[in-house]
């Protein structure tokens, strides 16, 4: 008789995601117990290794939905490269900051992902401006111009960044990372109805602050 289980040995994405959440929380609890000068890096590395698949998914979603120009020449940024930089950022940050919950951990990761992408976008803008100054003809090459983040996009990102924390977290998870409301609710430890209320408030704020743009509250690239 076969020893194979009735579910053929395969786990659903939801089961896998739940296990990841539980494992991340265990590492966070272990990290909270570190006292004095005891080394925390091994725990943090194990935590990041445990969460690497979810972090990679978030990186890829954020990069291709909100910063697609960074994936094109001359930068050609890929999710793997971005993840490597974000992991390095988190290793440094978590020497001083110890999130206590899964929600806090992924909020910290989201913050450093945005910082990493914004830093890359600013550096790319500076390089484009330097190229333009060196060019003797009017205007820069089309692909260089297209790589810039427009003032309108920067304004939208600033408005999103300045949303209240609860609303910004929900917006990031649902509209940027593409999570379902139940998935976002699990990460945040709230009900799907609470996720929907926070999302509605965030979208209303965006609609009010960006009303002069005369377009939908959230452009397709960010939704």
C-alpha atoms as a PDB file:
ATOM      1  CA  UNK A   1       0.000   0.000   0.000  1.00  0.00           C
ATOM      2  CA  UNK A   2       1.296   3.432  -0.879  1.00  0.00           C
ATOM      3  CA  UNK A   3       2.399   5.765   1.894  1.00  0.00           C
ATOM      4  CA  UNK A   4       1.361   8.811  -0.127  1.00  0.00           C
ATOM      5  CA  UNK A   5      -1.132  11.034   1.693  1.00  0.00           C
ATOM      6  CA  UNK A   6      -4.574  11.754   0.325  1.00  0.00           C
ATOM      7  CA  UNK A   7      -3.466  15.205  -0.804  1.00  0.00           C
ATOM      8  CA  UNK A   8      -0.591  13.664  -2.830  1.00  0.00           C
ATOM      9  CA  UNK A   9       2.030  15.339  -0.702  1.00  0.00           C
ATOM     10  CA  UNK A  10       1.318  18.811  -2.073  1.00  0.00           C
ATOM     11  CA  UNK A  11       0.329  21.781   0.037  1.00  0.00           C
ATOM     12  CA  UNK A  12      -1.916  24.579  -1.130  1.00  0.00           C
ATOM     13  CA  UNK A  13      -0.440  28.101  -1.361  1.00  0.00           C
ATOM     14  CA  UNK A  14      -2.626  29.108   1.589  1.00  0.00           C
ATOM     15  CA  UNK A  15      -1.239  26.290   3.767  1.00  0.00           C
ATOM     16  CA  UNK A  16       2.309  27.174   2.752  1.00  0.00           C
ATOM     17  CA  UNK A  17       1.674  30.868   3.438  1.00  0.00           C
ATOM     18  CA  UNK A  18       0.228  30.066   6.868  1.00  0.00           C
ATOM     19  CA  UNK A  19       3.270  27.953   7.728  1.00  0.00           C
ATOM     20  CA  UNK A  20       5.550  30.795   6.676  1.00  0.00           C
ATOM     21  CA  UNK A  21       3.634  33.209   8.895  1.00  0.00           C
ATOM     22  CA  UNK A  22       3.916  30.876  11.882  1.00  0.00           C
ATOM     23  CA  UNK A  23       7.630  30.253  11.285  1.00  0.00           C
ATOM     24  CA  UNK A  24       8.342  33.974  10.936  1.00  0.00           C
ATOM     25  CA  UNK A  25       6.575  34.621  14.241  1.00  0.00           C
ATOM     26  CA  UNK A  26       8.659  31.929  15.958  1.00  0.00           C
ATOM     27  CA  UNK A  27      11.875  33.582  14.791  1.00  0.00           C
ATOM     28  CA  UNK A  28      10.583  36.986  15.894  1.00  0.00           C
ATOM     29  CA  UNK A  29       9.808  35.566  19.340  1.00  0.00           C
ATOM     30  CA  UNK A  30      13.314  34.108  19.490  1.00  0.00           C
ATOM     31  CA  UNK A  31      14.766  37.444  18.427  1.00  0.00           C
ATOM     32  CA  UNK A  32      12.829  39.218  21.170  1.00  0.00           C
ATOM     33  CA  UNK A  33      14.539  36.972  23.710  1.00  0.00           C
ATOM     34  CA  UNK A  34      18.038  38.060  22.704  1.00  0.00           C
ATOM     35  CA  UNK A  35      19.606  39.936  25.613  1.00  0.00           C
ATOM     36  CA  UNK A  36      22.612  42.169  25.974  1.00  0.00           C
ATOM     37  CA  UNK A  37      25.450  41.550  23.560  1.00  0.00           C
ATOM     38  CA  UNK A  38      24.197  38.148  22.425  1.00  0.00           C
ATOM     39  CA  UNK A  39      24.465  37.878  18.602  1.00  0.00           C
ATOM     40  CA  UNK A  40      21.170  38.331  16.779  1.00  0.00           C
ATOM     41  CA  UNK A  41      22.475  37.976  13.204  1.00  0.00           C
ATOM     42  CA  UNK A  42      22.062  34.163  13.033  1.00  0.00           C
ATOM     43  CA  UNK A  43      18.404  34.471  14.037  1.00  0.00           C
ATOM     44  CA  UNK A  44      17.792  37.311  11.583  1.00  0.00           C
ATOM     45  CA  UNK A  45      19.432  35.335   8.759  1.00  0.00           C
ATOM     46  CA  UNK A  46      17.289  32.308   9.546  1.00  0.00           C
ATOM     47  CA  UNK A  47      14.204  34.534   9.646  1.00  0.00           C
ATOM     48  CA  UNK A  48      14.981  36.060   6.256  1.00  0.00           C
ATOM     49  CA  UNK A  49      15.683  32.621   4.777  1.00  0.00           C
ATOM     50  CA  UNK A  50      12.313  31.440   6.051  1.00  0.00           C
ATOM     51  CA  UNK A  51      10.495  34.428   4.545  1.00  0.00           C
ATOM     52  CA  UNK A  52      12.533  34.633   1.326  1.00  0.00           C
ATOM     53  CA  UNK A  53       9.810  33.323  -1.010  1.00  0.00           C
ATOM     54  CA  UNK A  54       7.250  35.824   0.233  1.00  0.00           C
ATOM     55  CA  UNK A  55       9.817  38.642   0.192  1.00  0.00           C
ATOM     56  CA  UNK A  56      10.718  37.740  -3.401  1.00  0.00           C
ATOM     57  CA  UNK A  57       7.060  37.825  -4.418  1.00  0.00           C
ATOM     58  CA  UNK A  58       6.572  41.226  -2.788  1.00  0.00           C
ATOM     59  CA  UNK A  59       9.729  42.567  -4.459  1.00  0.00           C
ATOM     60  CA  UNK A  60       8.634  41.341  -7.881  1.00  0.00           C
ATOM     61  CA  UNK A  61       5.104  42.712  -7.512  1.00  0.00           C
ATOM     62  CA  UNK A  62       6.240  46.111  -6.271  1.00  0.00           C
ATOM     63  CA  UNK A  63       8.968  46.401  -8.905  1.00  0.00           C
ATOM     64  CA  UNK A  64       6.919  45.443 -11.957  1.00  0.00           C
ATOM     65  CA  UNK A  65       3.695  47.199 -10.933  1.00  0.00           C
ATOM     66  CA  UNK A  66       4.997  50.446  -9.456  1.00  0.00           C
ATOM     67  CA  UNK A  67       8.510  50.869 -10.903  1.00  0.00           C
ATOM     68  CA  UNK A  68       8.418  49.149 -14.324  1.00  0.00           C
ATOM     69  CA  UNK A  69      10.847  51.657 -15.836  1.00  0.00           C
ATOM     70  CA  UNK A  70      13.574  50.345 -13.542  1.00  0.00           C
ATOM     71  CA  UNK A  71      13.262  46.948 -15.249  1.00  0.00           C
ATOM     72  CA  UNK A  72      14.134  48.491 -18.621  1.00  0.00           C
ATOM     73  CA  UNK A  73      17.495  49.724 -19.983  1.00  0.00           C
ATOM     74  CA  UNK A  74      19.811  51.065 -18.796  1.00  0.00           C
ATOM     75  CA  UNK A  75      19.172  49.592 -15.315  1.00  0.00           C
ATOM     76  CA  UNK A  76      17.395  46.309 -16.221  1.00  0.00           C
ATOM     77  CA  UNK A  77      16.622  45.651 -12.564  1.00  0.00           C
ATOM     78  CA  UNK A  78      15.329  42.165 -11.724  1.00  0.00           C
ATOM     79  CA  UNK A  79      13.459  40.989  -8.633  1.00  0.00           C
ATOM     80  CA  UNK A  80      16.373  38.767  -7.560  1.00  0.00           C
ATOM     81  CA  UNK A  81      18.760  41.719  -7.571  1.00  0.00           C
ATOM     82  CA  UNK A  82      16.296  43.860  -5.672  1.00  0.00           C
ATOM     83  CA  UNK A  83      15.718  41.118  -3.102  1.00  0.00           C
ATOM     84  CA  UNK A  84      19.448  40.819  -2.473  1.00  0.00           C
ATOM     85  CA  UNK A  85      19.688  44.542  -1.719  1.00  0.00           C
ATOM     86  CA  UNK A  86      16.591  44.489   0.468  1.00  0.00           C
ATOM     87  CA  UNK A  87      17.914  41.530   2.479  1.00  0.00           C
ATOM     88  CA  UNK A  88      21.149  43.449   3.057  1.00  0.00           C
ATOM     89  CA  UNK A  89      19.133  46.455   4.215  1.00  0.00           C
ATOM     90  CA  UNK A  90      17.078  44.300   6.581  1.00  0.00           C
ATOM     91  CA  UNK A  91      20.167  42.647   8.049  1.00  0.00           C
ATOM     92  CA  UNK A  92      21.505  46.072   8.983  1.00  0.00           C
ATOM     93  CA  UNK A  93      18.159  47.473  10.144  1.00  0.00           C
ATOM     94  CA  UNK A  94      17.325  44.506  12.375  1.00  0.00           C
ATOM     95  CA  UNK A  95      20.513  44.938  14.362  1.00  0.00           C
ATOM     96  CA  UNK A  96      18.728  47.888  15.929  1.00  0.00           C
ATOM     97  CA  UNK A  97      15.034  47.258  15.261  1.00  0.00           C
ATOM     98  CA  UNK A  98      13.354  44.014  16.371  1.00  0.00           C
ATOM     99  CA  UNK A  99       9.801  43.692  15.003  1.00  0.00           C
ATOM    100  CA  UNK A 100       7.554  41.828  17.412  1.00  0.00           C
ATOM    101  CA  UNK A 101       4.868  40.631  15.011  1.00  0.00           C
ATOM    102  CA  UNK A 102       4.657  39.316  11.452  1.00  0.00           C
ATOM    103  CA  UNK A 103       2.793  42.481  10.531  1.00  0.00           C
ATOM    104  CA  UNK A 104       5.604  44.677  11.850  1.00  0.00           C
ATOM    105  CA  UNK A 105       8.233  42.570  10.080  1.00  0.00           C
ATOM    106  CA  UNK A 106       6.597  42.833   6.661  1.00  0.00           C
ATOM    107  CA  UNK A 107       5.877  46.533   7.230  1.00  0.00           C
ATOM    108  CA  UNK A 108       9.609  46.995   7.838  1.00  0.00           C
ATOM    109  CA  UNK A 109      10.405  44.973   4.714  1.00  0.00           C
ATOM    110  CA  UNK A 110       7.953  47.044   2.654  1.00  0.00           C
ATOM    111  CA  UNK A 111       9.529  50.244   3.910  1.00  0.00           C
ATOM    112  CA  UNK A 112      13.015  49.155   2.876  1.00  0.00           C
ATOM    113  CA  UNK A 113      11.755  47.939  -0.502  1.00  0.00           C
ATOM    114  CA  UNK A 114      10.285  51.378  -1.200  1.00  0.00           C
ATOM    115  CA  UNK A 115      13.490  53.066  -0.036  1.00  0.00           C
ATOM    116  CA  UNK A 116      15.601  50.812  -2.238  1.00  0.00           C
ATOM    117  CA  UNK A 117      13.472  51.481  -5.330  1.00  0.00           C
ATOM    118  CA  UNK A 118      13.266  55.225  -4.649  1.00  0.00           C
ATOM    119  CA  UNK A 119      17.057  55.378  -4.237  1.00  0.00           C
ATOM    120  CA  UNK A 120      17.530  53.560  -7.538  1.00  0.00           C
ATOM    121  CA  UNK A 121      15.027  55.855  -9.266  1.00  0.00           C
ATOM    122  CA  UNK A 122      16.793  58.965  -7.960  1.00  0.00           C
ATOM    123  CA  UNK A 123      20.192  57.671  -9.081  1.00  0.00           C
ATOM    124  CA  UNK A 124      18.768  56.856 -12.491  1.00  0.00           C
ATOM    125  CA  UNK A 125      17.276  60.351 -12.759  1.00  0.00           C
ATOM    126  CA  UNK A 126      20.659  61.878 -11.902  1.00  0.00           C
ATOM    127  CA  UNK A 127      22.388  59.772 -14.546  1.00  0.00           C
ATOM    128  CA  UNK A 128      19.799  60.802 -17.135  1.00  0.00           C
ATOM    129  CA  UNK A 129      20.299  64.477 -16.298  1.00  0.00           C
ATOM    130  CA  UNK A 130      24.063  64.102 -16.648  1.00  0.00           C
ATOM    131  CA  UNK A 131      23.603  62.481 -20.050  1.00  0.00           C
ATOM    132  CA  UNK A 132      21.315  65.314 -21.128  1.00  0.00           C
ATOM    133  CA  UNK A 133      23.903  67.895 -20.097  1.00  0.00           C
ATOM    134  CA  UNK A 134      26.527  66.119 -22.190  1.00  0.00           C
ATOM    135  CA  UNK A 135      24.340  65.844 -25.250  1.00  0.00           C
ATOM    136  CA  UNK A 136      24.823  68.572 -27.839  1.00  0.00           C
ATOM    137  CA  UNK A 137      21.420  67.980 -29.405  1.00  0.00           C
ATOM    138  CA  UNK A 138      18.116  68.997 -27.896  1.00  0.00           C
ATOM    139  CA  UNK A 139      16.518  66.233 -25.859  1.00  0.00           C
ATOM    140  CA  UNK A 140      17.834  62.937 -24.577  1.00  0.00           C
ATOM    141  CA  UNK A 141      17.446  59.473 -26.106  1.00  0.00           C
ATOM    142  CA  UNK A 142      13.906  58.171 -25.910  1.00  0.00           C
ATOM    143  CA  UNK A 143      14.702  55.253 -23.631  1.00  0.00           C
ATOM    144  CA  UNK A 144      16.529  57.549 -21.167  1.00  0.00           C
ATOM    145  CA  UNK A 145      13.646  59.980 -21.024  1.00  0.00           C
ATOM    146  CA  UNK A 146      11.230  57.114 -20.492  1.00  0.00           C
ATOM    147  CA  UNK A 147      13.247  55.877 -17.539  1.00  0.00           C
ATOM    148  CA  UNK A 148      12.505  58.960 -15.478  1.00  0.00           C
ATOM    149  CA  UNK A 149       9.770  59.067 -12.888  1.00  0.00           C
ATOM    150  CA  UNK A 150       7.476  61.931 -13.792  1.00  0.00           C
ATOM    151  CA  UNK A 151       6.557  64.681 -11.305  1.00  0.00           C
ATOM    152  CA  UNK A 152       2.987  63.369 -11.315  1.00  0.00           C
ATOM    153  CA  UNK A 153       4.109  59.857 -10.403  1.00  0.00           C
ATOM    154  CA  UNK A 154       6.367  61.242  -7.673  1.00  0.00           C
ATOM    155  CA  UNK A 155       3.434  63.205  -6.289  1.00  0.00           C
ATOM    156  CA  UNK A 156       1.221  60.110  -6.246  1.00  0.00           C
ATOM    157  CA  UNK A 157       3.925  58.098  -4.464  1.00  0.00           C
ATOM    158  CA  UNK A 158       4.354  60.885  -1.899  1.00  0.00           C
ATOM    159  CA  UNK A 159       0.613  60.938  -1.177  1.00  0.00           C
ATOM    160  CA  UNK A 160       0.610  57.157  -0.722  1.00  0.00           C
ATOM    161  CA  UNK A 161       3.678  57.364   1.538  1.00  0.00           C
ATOM    162  CA  UNK A 162       1.921  59.934   3.746  1.00  0.00           C
ATOM    163  CA  UNK A 163      -1.263  57.927   4.260  1.00  0.00           C
ATOM    164  CA  UNK A 164      -1.929  56.920   7.889  1.00  0.00           C
ATOM    165  CA  UNK A 165       0.077  53.786   8.697  1.00  0.00           C
ATOM    166  CA  UNK A 166      -2.898  51.400   8.809  1.00  0.00           C
ATOM    167  CA  UNK A 167      -4.219  52.636   5.472  1.00  0.00           C
ATOM    168  CA  UNK A 168      -0.784  52.649   3.815  1.00  0.00           C
ATOM    169  CA  UNK A 169      -0.128  49.061   4.907  1.00  0.00           C
ATOM    170  CA  UNK A 170      -3.424  47.862   3.452  1.00  0.00           C
ATOM    171  CA  UNK A 171      -2.885  49.845   0.257  1.00  0.00           C
ATOM    172  CA  UNK A 172       0.593  48.337  -0.178  1.00  0.00           C
ATOM    173  CA  UNK A 173      -0.611  44.788   0.379  1.00  0.00           C
ATOM    174  CA  UNK A 174      -3.798  44.922  -1.722  1.00  0.00           C
ATOM    175  CA  UNK A 175      -3.255  47.492  -4.472  1.00  0.00           C
ATOM    176  CA  UNK A 176       0.537  47.334  -4.875  1.00  0.00           C
ATOM    177  CA  UNK A 177       1.466  43.748  -3.975  1.00  0.00           C
ATOM    178  CA  UNK A 178      -1.752  42.261  -5.337  1.00  0.00           C
ATOM    179  CA  UNK A 179      -2.787  40.314  -2.237  1.00  0.00           C
ATOM    180  CA  UNK A 180      -6.420  39.388  -1.759  1.00  0.00           C
ATOM    181  CA  UNK A 181      -8.257  40.986   1.151  1.00  0.00           C
ATOM    182  CA  UNK A 182      -8.250  37.716   3.163  1.00  0.00           C
ATOM    183  CA  UNK A 183      -4.492  37.335   2.551  1.00  0.00           C
ATOM    184  CA  UNK A 184      -3.843  40.906   3.670  1.00  0.00           C
ATOM    185  CA  UNK A 185      -6.066  40.346   6.700  1.00  0.00           C
ATOM    186  CA  UNK A 186      -3.968  37.330   7.705  1.00  0.00           C
ATOM    187  CA  UNK A 187      -0.712  39.276   7.427  1.00  0.00           C
ATOM    188  CA  UNK A 188      -2.107  42.194   9.444  1.00  0.00           C
ATOM    189  CA  UNK A 189      -3.995  40.101  11.986  1.00  0.00           C
ATOM    190  CA  UNK A 190      -7.350  41.779  11.319  1.00  0.00           C
ATOM    191  CA  UNK A 191     -10.599  40.821   9.619  1.00  0.00           C
ATOM    192  CA  UNK A 192     -11.151  41.167   5.847  1.00  0.00           C
ATOM    193  CA  UNK A 193     -13.843  43.764   6.612  1.00  0.00           C
ATOM    194  CA  UNK A 194     -11.288  45.851   8.483  1.00  0.00           C
ATOM    195  CA  UNK A 195      -8.942  45.572   5.495  1.00  0.00           C
ATOM    196  CA  UNK A 196     -11.734  46.790   3.209  1.00  0.00           C
ATOM    197  CA  UNK A 197     -12.554  49.746   5.500  1.00  0.00           C
ATOM    198  CA  UNK A 198      -8.920  50.844   5.648  1.00  0.00           C
ATOM    199  CA  UNK A 199      -8.543  50.449   1.899  1.00  0.00           C
ATOM    200  CA  UNK A 200     -11.670  52.534   1.298  1.00  0.00           C
ATOM    201  CA  UNK A 201     -10.390  55.302   3.580  1.00  0.00           C
ATOM    202  CA  UNK A 202      -7.017  55.293   1.826  1.00  0.00           C
ATOM    203  CA  UNK A 203      -8.589  55.460  -1.633  1.00  0.00           C
ATOM    204  CA  UNK A 204     -10.846  58.301  -0.506  1.00  0.00           C
ATOM    205  CA  UNK A 205      -7.829  60.250   0.740  1.00  0.00           C
ATOM    206  CA  UNK A 206      -5.997  59.660  -2.547  1.00  0.00           C
ATOM    207  CA  UNK A 207      -9.049  60.746  -4.495  1.00  0.00           C
ATOM    208  CA  UNK A 208      -9.313  63.983  -2.521  1.00  0.00           C
ATOM    209  CA  UNK A 209      -5.619  64.889  -2.635  1.00  0.00           C
ATOM    210  CA  UNK A 210      -5.222  64.012  -6.323  1.00  0.00           C
ATOM    211  CA  UNK A 211      -8.573  65.348  -7.509  1.00  0.00           C
ATOM    212  CA  UNK A 212      -6.910  67.962  -9.720  1.00  0.00           C
ATOM    213  CA  UNK A 213      -5.352  65.221 -11.842  1.00  0.00           C
ATOM    214  CA  UNK A 214      -8.854  64.418 -13.144  1.00  0.00           C
ATOM    215  CA  UNK A 215      -8.246  60.689 -13.261  1.00  0.00           C
ATOM    216  CA  UNK A 216      -8.994  57.616 -11.194  1.00  0.00           C
ATOM    217  CA  UNK A 217      -7.612  57.769  -7.637  1.00  0.00           C
ATOM    218  CA  UNK A 218      -5.032  55.054  -8.326  1.00  0.00           C
ATOM    219  CA  UNK A 219      -3.380  54.843 -11.755  1.00  0.00           C
ATOM    220  CA  UNK A 220      -3.077  51.391 -13.343  1.00  0.00           C
ATOM    221  CA  UNK A 221       0.671  51.215 -12.721  1.00  0.00           C
ATOM    222  CA  UNK A 222       0.053  51.421  -8.974  1.00  0.00           C
ATOM    223  CA  UNK A 223      -3.089  49.333  -8.805  1.00  0.00           C
END
